[in-house]
Amino acid sequence: MLIKEILSVLEEMAPLAYAEDFDNVGLLVGNAEHEATGVLVCHDALENVIDEAIAKKCNLVVCFHPILFSGLKKITGKNYVERAVMKAIKNDIAIYAVHTALDNHQNGVNKIFCDALGLKNTKILVPKHDFIRKLVTYTIPENAGKLRHSLFAAGAGTIGNYDNCSFNSDGYSTYQGNEHSNPIVGRKGEMTQTPEIKIEVTFEKHLESNILKALFSNHVYEEVAYEIYALENQHQNIGLGMIGELETTYNEVDFLHFVKDKMGCGGIRHSAFRHKNVHKVAVLGGAGSFAISHAIRAGADAFLTSDLKYHQFYEAEGKLLLADIGHFESERYTKNYIVDYLTKKMPNFAFILSKENTNPVKYL
């Protein structure tokens, strides 16, 4: 099996188009055309993880955090990033990162976080903006059904729990072809008026090339009229963080003890207690201070995230319990999810969960 075959499954799990613009996801090191000998899944592709991959004869390391985040101008081994990359290249080991591509997936990092806490009725906390496009096209009634279904098959027309969504309206078109034209309806050089159906469908922006290929392959006209618009809508099933409800309502102290136990926290920093029960909980794996206001607006009793600074705890404003449970801890089950996903998709291949704990934060 080639490495690229495994990468295609990883992209099904966490489409790279879902990643944030600042991120560096996908294949970071290595050649996707090489034969895969084994896959090691880890949280951070550090030098000791590369050593583990060598020992276990794995030439593909799938990591959550990208070891290459910003550009390298030199690779001399002077820091932990360069040493890991140098060792991977020397030993012909590929490195692939998922990071915010999995963060933004509705079954990704934050759903894993919610599941660890047993949260129910979950939904995205910060839906992704600038991700939905609309295609508008026009065709004769005889072609409308075939064209619609081809667009649906290419990924258009999915809205939440509904597929094959479109809006259709009747009208008529006028045109006059020149001497080089070959009209399906009417004659070249003559003014033609014909009934048409206007078809409107939405799609995720990374599917645009597939949508256009389906449009041109299944349209009957010699010249295809179409329009694509960027929409201001939020994508309710893609985005950062989640909010859900606990099966059991806790007081704030018991809630934090519950979280500490479930997430394996070395310690939890939190804002002042409100002396109110906790039932509705927002979570955001990794650094999530930007979503404090979203959690408040969503009516969360508590917001669990990490990497909060001193003044950001004030932003709780007595409206919720704000808790920093640790960056690694908030994402700790992610690598297990990746291994489980790959194993289910490709049961005859070896996917190994790294035994290295790459959490750089220690607790006294």
Protein backbone atom coordinates (compact mmCIF):
# COMPACT_ATOMS: atom_id res chain seq x y z
CA MET A 1 0.00 0.00 0.00
CA LEU A 2 1.30 3.43 -0.91
CA ILE A 3 1.47 6.24 1.62
CA LYS A 4 -0.85 8.33 -0.54
CA GLU A 5 -3.62 5.74 -0.15
CA ILE A 6 -3.49 6.24 3.62
CA LEU A 7 -3.41 10.01 3.18
CA SER A 8 -6.62 9.88 1.15
CA VAL A 9 -8.37 8.18 4.09
CA LEU A 10 -6.95 10.80 6.46
CA GLU A 11 -8.39 13.52 4.24
CA GLU A 12 -11.80 11.83 4.44
CA MET A 13 -11.50 11.96 8.23
CA ALA A 14 -10.24 15.56 8.31
CA PRO A 15 -10.57 17.40 4.97
CA LEU A 16 -7.64 19.78 4.59
CA ALA A 17 -10.05 22.46 3.35
CA TYR A 18 -11.52 22.56 6.88
CA ALA A 19 -8.22 23.81 8.34
CA GLU A 20 -7.75 27.40 9.44
CA ASP A 21 -5.79 29.67 7.09
CA PHE A 22 -2.94 30.13 9.60
CA ASP A 23 -2.39 26.39 9.96
CA ASN A 24 0.05 24.00 8.27
CA VAL A 25 -1.66 20.69 7.70
CA GLY A 26 -1.24 17.74 5.36
CA LEU A 27 1.97 16.02 4.28
CA LEU A 28 4.82 18.02 5.83
CA VAL A 29 7.76 15.67 5.20
CA GLY A 30 8.24 12.73 2.86
CA ASN A 31 7.10 11.21 -0.42
CA ALA A 32 3.50 10.05 -0.75
CA GLU A 33 4.44 7.67 -3.58
CA HIS A 34 6.52 5.44 -1.29
CA GLU A 35 5.28 2.10 -0.05
CA ALA A 36 3.96 2.32 3.53
CA THR A 37 5.59 -0.04 6.01
CA GLY A 38 3.61 1.05 9.07
CA VAL A 39 1.89 4.08 10.58
CA LEU A 40 2.61 5.58 13.98
CA VAL A 41 -0.04 7.99 15.32
CA CYS A 42 1.02 10.60 17.87
CA HIS A 43 0.14 13.98 19.32
CA ASP A 44 3.43 15.73 18.45
CA ALA A 45 6.03 14.41 16.01
CA LEU A 46 9.04 15.08 18.24
CA GLU A 47 12.46 13.46 17.92
CA ASN A 48 11.62 10.72 20.44
CA VAL A 49 8.50 9.89 18.42
CA ILE A 50 10.57 9.59 15.25
CA ASP A 51 12.87 7.23 17.18
CA GLU A 52 9.79 5.21 18.12
CA ALA A 53 8.71 5.10 14.46
CA ILE A 54 12.16 3.83 13.46
CA ALA A 55 12.08 1.13 16.15
CA LYS A 56 8.60 0.00 15.10
CA LYS A 57 9.44 0.13 11.36
CA CYS A 58 6.86 2.80 10.57
CA ASN A 59 7.69 5.15 7.71
CA LEU A 60 4.61 7.36 8.18
CA VAL A 61 3.98 9.39 11.33
CA VAL A 62 0.52 10.92 11.64
CA CYS A 63 0.51 13.71 14.20
CA PHE A 64 -2.11 16.07 15.51
CA HIS A 65 0.07 19.18 15.90
CA PRO A 66 2.21 20.09 12.87
CA ILE A 67 5.90 19.89 13.76
CA LEU A 68 6.47 22.41 10.95
CA PHE A 69 4.26 25.35 11.77
CA SER A 70 6.20 28.37 10.54
CA GLY A 71 8.87 28.42 7.85
CA LEU A 72 12.38 27.07 8.37
CA LYS A 73 15.22 29.00 6.75
CA LYS A 74 17.88 26.62 8.03
CA ILE A 75 17.87 23.01 9.15
CA THR A 76 20.94 22.59 11.33
CA GLY A 77 19.51 20.69 14.30
CA LYS A 78 19.71 23.63 16.68
CA ASN A 79 16.17 23.13 18.08
CA TYR A 80 13.64 20.38 18.63
CA VAL A 81 11.79 21.10 15.37
CA GLU A 82 14.88 20.89 13.19
CA ARG A 83 16.14 17.76 14.95
CA ALA A 84 12.85 15.94 14.42
CA VAL A 85 12.65 16.94 10.75
CA MET A 86 16.28 16.01 10.11
CA LYS A 87 15.84 12.57 11.67
CA ALA A 88 12.63 11.95 9.72
CA ILE A 89 14.29 12.87 6.41
CA LYS A 90 17.41 10.85 7.19
CA ASN A 91 15.31 7.76 7.90
CA ASP A 92 12.86 8.28 5.03
CA ILE A 93 9.89 8.83 7.34
CA ALA A 94 6.91 10.88 6.18
CA ILE A 95 5.06 13.19 8.57
CA TYR A 96 1.41 14.15 8.13
CA ALA A 97 -0.48 16.60 10.39
CA VAL A 98 -4.26 17.03 10.83
CA HIS A 99 -4.56 19.81 13.47
CA THR A 100 -7.35 22.33 12.72
CA ALA A 101 -8.67 20.21 9.84
CA LEU A 102 -9.80 17.83 12.60
CA ASP A 103 -10.55 20.67 15.04
CA ASN A 104 -13.23 21.98 12.67
CA HIS A 105 -14.82 18.61 11.87
CA GLN A 106 -18.14 17.89 13.56
CA ASN A 107 -16.83 14.46 14.64
CA GLY A 108 -13.32 15.73 15.40
CA VAL A 109 -11.40 17.07 18.37
CA ASN A 110 -14.25 18.81 20.15
CA LYS A 111 -16.74 15.98 19.64
CA ILE A 112 -14.10 13.67 21.13
CA PHE A 113 -13.80 16.13 24.03
CA CYS A 114 -17.60 16.14 24.47
CA ASP A 115 -17.80 12.35 24.33
CA ALA A 116 -15.13 12.04 27.03
CA LEU A 117 -17.37 14.14 29.30
CA GLY A 118 -20.57 12.42 28.19
CA LEU A 119 -22.12 15.61 26.79
CA LYS A 120 -25.39 15.20 24.90
CA ASN A 121 -27.24 17.34 22.31
CA THR A 122 -23.95 18.79 21.07
CA LYS A 123 -23.57 21.44 18.40
CA ILE A 124 -20.78 23.61 16.98
CA LEU A 125 -19.84 26.58 19.20
CA VAL A 126 -18.13 28.80 16.59
CA PRO A 127 -19.45 27.91 13.11
CA LYS A 128 -17.06 28.42 10.19
CA HIS A 129 -17.55 31.55 8.07
CA ASP A 130 -16.82 32.08 4.36
CA PHE A 131 -17.12 28.41 3.52
CA ILE A 132 -20.38 28.15 1.60
CA ARG A 133 -20.79 28.96 -2.09
CA LYS A 134 -23.87 29.05 -4.31
CA LEU A 135 -24.03 27.88 -7.91
CA VAL A 136 -26.76 29.26 -10.17
CA THR A 137 -27.20 27.78 -13.64
CA TYR A 138 -29.86 27.55 -16.35
CA THR A 139 -30.90 24.68 -18.63
CA ILE A 140 -33.78 23.32 -20.65
CA PRO A 141 -36.38 21.26 -18.72
CA GLU A 142 -35.33 18.03 -20.44
CA ASN A 143 -31.81 18.36 -18.99
CA ALA A 144 -32.71 19.63 -15.51
CA GLY A 145 -33.09 16.29 -13.72
CA LYS A 146 -29.82 14.81 -15.00
CA LEU A 147 -27.94 18.04 -14.27
CA ARG A 148 -29.30 18.34 -10.72
CA HIS A 149 -28.41 14.77 -9.83
CA SER A 150 -24.88 15.18 -11.20
CA LEU A 151 -24.38 18.27 -9.04
CA PHE A 152 -25.68 16.40 -5.99
CA ALA A 153 -23.31 13.52 -6.71
CA ALA A 154 -20.41 15.99 -6.83
CA GLY A 155 -21.24 17.25 -3.34
CA ALA A 156 -23.67 20.11 -3.92
CA GLY A 157 -27.00 20.50 -2.18
CA THR A 158 -26.14 19.32 1.33
CA ILE A 159 -27.59 21.44 4.14
CA GLY A 160 -27.20 20.01 7.65
CA ASN A 161 -29.11 16.73 7.83
CA TYR A 162 -30.56 17.16 4.34
CA ASP A 163 -29.11 16.13 0.96
CA ASN A 164 -30.16 16.83 -2.64
CA CYS A 165 -31.30 20.37 -1.77
CA SER A 166 -31.92 22.82 -4.61
CA PHE A 167 -34.20 25.67 -5.61
CA ASN A 168 -35.71 25.62 -9.09
CA SER A 169 -37.69 28.25 -10.94
CA ASP A 170 -39.20 28.42 -14.42
CA GLY A 171 -38.46 31.13 -16.94
CA TYR A 172 -37.26 31.60 -20.47
CA SER A 173 -34.03 32.57 -22.13
CA THR A 174 -33.16 34.44 -25.27
CA TYR A 175 -30.05 34.13 -27.38
CA GLN A 176 -28.74 34.43 -30.89
CA GLY A 177 -25.74 32.41 -31.99
CA ASN A 178 -23.19 33.64 -34.52
CA GLU A 179 -21.95 31.73 -37.56
CA HIS A 180 -19.62 29.62 -35.39
CA SER A 181 -22.32 28.53 -32.94
CA ASN A 182 -24.00 25.13 -32.72
CA PRO A 183 -27.17 25.65 -30.63
CA ILE A 184 -29.08 22.69 -29.17
CA VAL A 185 -32.33 24.66 -29.45
CA GLY A 186 -32.91 27.08 -32.34
CA ARG A 187 -30.73 27.91 -35.33
CA LYS A 188 -27.52 29.81 -35.64
CA GLY A 189 -27.99 33.43 -36.61
CA GLU A 190 -31.61 33.46 -35.46
CA MET A 191 -33.06 35.03 -32.29
CA THR A 192 -34.28 32.17 -30.09
CA GLN A 193 -36.55 32.14 -27.06
CA THR A 194 -36.86 28.89 -25.10
CA PRO A 195 -38.22 27.71 -21.72
CA GLU A 196 -35.51 27.14 -19.11
CA ILE A 197 -35.21 26.06 -15.49
CA LYS A 198 -33.00 28.03 -13.13
CA ILE A 199 -31.21 25.71 -10.70
CA GLU A 200 -29.63 26.98 -7.48
CA VAL A 201 -27.51 24.80 -5.17
CA THR A 202 -25.09 25.49 -2.33
CA PHE A 203 -21.77 23.70 -1.76
CA GLU A 204 -18.65 23.79 0.40
CA LYS A 205 -16.04 25.92 -1.33
CA HIS A 206 -13.36 23.22 -1.59
CA LEU A 207 -15.73 21.22 -3.82
CA GLU A 208 -15.88 23.93 -6.50
CA SER A 209 -13.72 22.12 -9.08
CA ASN A 210 -15.82 18.95 -8.72
CA ILE A 211 -19.04 20.94 -9.00
CA LEU A 212 -17.91 22.70 -12.17
CA LYS A 213 -16.71 19.45 -13.71
CA ALA A 214 -20.14 17.92 -13.11
CA LEU A 215 -21.83 21.04 -14.50
CA PHE A 216 -19.91 21.08 -17.76
CA SER A 217 -20.03 17.30 -18.21
CA ASN A 218 -23.79 17.04 -17.84
CA HIS A 219 -25.09 20.29 -19.35
CA VAL A 220 -26.46 20.11 -22.89
CA TYR A 221 -25.61 23.65 -23.96
CA GLU A 222 -22.60 24.52 -26.06
CA GLU A 223 -22.01 27.56 -23.81
CA VAL A 224 -22.93 27.01 -20.18
CA ALA A 225 -24.24 30.04 -18.29
CA TYR A 226 -23.52 29.88 -14.57
CA GLU A 227 -22.77 32.10 -11.57
CA ILE A 228 -20.95 31.35 -8.30
CA TYR A 229 -21.48 33.47 -5.20
CA ALA A 230 -19.69 33.54 -1.85
CA LEU A 231 -22.30 33.49 0.91
CA GLU A 232 -22.19 35.16 4.31
CA ASN A 233 -23.84 32.14 5.93
CA GLN A 234 -22.18 30.17 8.70
CA HIS A 235 -21.63 26.45 8.24
CA GLN A 236 -23.47 24.91 11.19
CA ASN A 237 -21.65 21.56 10.93
CA ILE A 238 -18.09 22.84 10.57
CA GLY A 239 -16.33 25.01 13.11
CA LEU A 240 -14.40 25.29 16.35
CA GLY A 241 -15.58 24.20 19.77
CA MET A 242 -18.83 22.55 20.82
CA ILE A 243 -21.52 22.99 23.40
CA GLY A 244 -23.64 20.29 24.98
CA GLU A 245 -25.42 19.15 28.12
CA LEU A 246 -24.23 16.96 30.97
CA GLU A 247 -26.30 13.92 31.89
CA THR A 248 -25.86 14.91 35.56
CA THR A 249 -25.97 18.45 36.92
CA TYR A 250 -23.01 19.26 39.20
CA ASN A 251 -22.10 22.02 41.56
CA GLU A 252 -18.98 23.84 40.38
CA VAL A 253 -16.48 22.07 42.67
CA ASP A 254 -17.78 18.60 41.85
CA PHE A 255 -17.86 19.52 38.16
CA LEU A 256 -14.18 20.46 38.12
CA HIS A 257 -13.27 17.25 39.96
CA PHE A 258 -15.30 15.34 37.37
CA VAL A 259 -13.45 17.08 34.51
CA LYS A 260 -10.07 16.54 36.16
CA ASP A 261 -10.75 12.82 36.42
CA LYS A 262 -12.17 12.37 32.91
CA MET A 263 -9.48 14.42 31.13
CA GLY A 264 -6.51 13.39 33.28
CA CYS A 265 -5.65 16.95 34.26
CA GLY A 266 -2.62 17.72 36.41
CA GLY A 267 -4.47 20.80 37.62
CA ILE A 268 -7.23 23.17 36.56
CA ARG A 269 -7.08 26.97 36.66
CA HIS A 270 -10.51 28.55 36.81
CA SER A 271 -12.37 31.82 37.24
CA ALA A 272 -14.30 32.74 40.38
CA PHE A 273 -17.12 30.41 41.34
CA ARG A 274 -20.63 31.71 40.68
CA HIS A 275 -22.15 29.26 43.18
CA LYS A 276 -24.48 27.94 40.50
CA ASN A 277 -24.93 24.45 39.11
CA VAL A 278 -23.25 23.35 35.88
CA HIS A 279 -25.36 21.59 33.24
CA LYS A 280 -24.63 23.24 29.89
CA VAL A 281 -20.94 23.03 28.98
CA ALA A 282 -18.91 24.56 26.13
CA VAL A 283 -15.56 23.04 25.16
CA LEU A 284 -12.77 23.99 22.79
CA GLY A 285 -9.68 21.81 22.56
CA GLY A 286 -6.40 23.70 22.51
CA ALA A 287 -6.15 27.48 22.83
CA GLY A 288 -9.70 28.81 22.96
CA SER A 289 -9.73 32.23 24.61
CA PHE A 290 -11.20 33.77 21.45
CA ALA A 291 -14.41 31.77 22.03
CA ILE A 292 -15.20 32.99 25.58
CA SER A 293 -17.82 35.42 24.27
CA HIS A 294 -19.33 32.69 22.07
CA ALA A 295 -19.70 30.41 25.10
CA ILE A 296 -21.40 33.20 27.06
CA ARG A 297 -23.81 33.98 24.21
CA ALA A 298 -24.61 30.28 23.87
CA GLY A 299 -25.69 30.20 27.51
CA ALA A 300 -22.98 27.86 28.77
CA ASP A 301 -22.66 27.38 32.52
CA ALA A 302 -18.97 26.50 32.04
CA PHE A 303 -16.38 26.78 29.28
CA LEU A 304 -13.45 24.34 29.17
CA THR A 305 -10.41 25.21 27.08
CA SER A 306 -6.68 25.99 27.58
CA ASP A 307 -3.86 28.52 27.32
CA LEU A 308 -5.80 31.28 29.06
CA LYS A 309 -3.88 34.39 30.13
CA TYR A 310 -4.34 36.23 33.42
CA HIS A 311 -6.67 38.97 32.16
CA GLN A 312 -8.77 36.56 30.11
CA PHE A 313 -10.19 35.03 33.28
CA TYR A 314 -11.87 38.41 33.92
CA GLU A 315 -13.83 37.89 30.69
CA ALA A 316 -15.99 35.33 32.48
CA GLU A 317 -17.72 38.42 33.94
CA GLY A 318 -19.59 36.22 36.41
CA LYS A 319 -21.62 34.79 33.53
CA LEU A 320 -19.99 31.36 33.42
CA LEU A 321 -17.25 29.26 34.99
CA LEU A 322 -14.12 29.56 32.86
CA ALA A 323 -11.63 26.69 33.22
CA ASP A 324 -8.17 26.11 31.73
CA ILE A 325 -7.66 22.34 31.86
CA GLY A 326 -4.36 22.23 29.91
CA HIS A 327 -3.64 22.21 26.17
CA PHE A 328 -2.54 18.59 25.89
CA GLU A 329 -5.28 17.42 28.26
CA SER A 330 -8.03 19.03 26.18
CA GLU A 331 -6.85 17.11 23.10
CA ARG A 332 -5.52 13.99 24.77
CA TYR A 333 -7.91 11.47 23.17
CA THR A 334 -7.40 12.70 19.62
CA LYS A 335 -4.66 10.25 18.64
CA ASN A 336 -6.80 7.35 19.89
CA TYR A 337 -9.61 8.54 17.64
CA ILE A 338 -7.28 8.69 14.62
CA VAL A 339 -6.03 5.14 15.21
CA ASP A 340 -9.59 3.84 15.62
CA TYR A 341 -10.75 5.62 12.46
CA LEU A 342 -7.88 4.33 10.32
CA THR A 343 -8.20 0.80 11.69
CA LYS A 344 -11.90 0.66 10.83
CA LYS A 345 -11.26 2.00 7.34
CA MET A 346 -8.19 -0.15 6.66
CA PRO A 347 -8.38 -3.17 8.99
CA ASN A 348 -5.62 -5.11 7.26
CA PHE A 349 -2.90 -2.52 7.87
CA ALA A 350 -0.85 -1.79 11.00
CA PHE A 351 -1.75 1.47 12.75
CA ILE A 352 0.17 1.95 15.98
CA LEU A 353 -0.66 4.32 18.83
CA SER A 354 2.49 6.11 20.02
CA LYS A 355 3.44 5.37 23.62
CA GLU A 356 5.36 8.65 23.96
CA ASN A 357 3.84 11.35 26.15
CA THR A 358 4.71 14.58 24.37
CA ASN A 359 3.01 16.95 26.81
CA PRO A 360 5.67 19.62 27.56
CA VAL A 361 3.83 20.83 30.67
CA LYS A 362 4.59 19.10 33.96
CA TYR A 363 2.87 19.52 37.32
CA LEU A 364 4.44 19.53 40.80
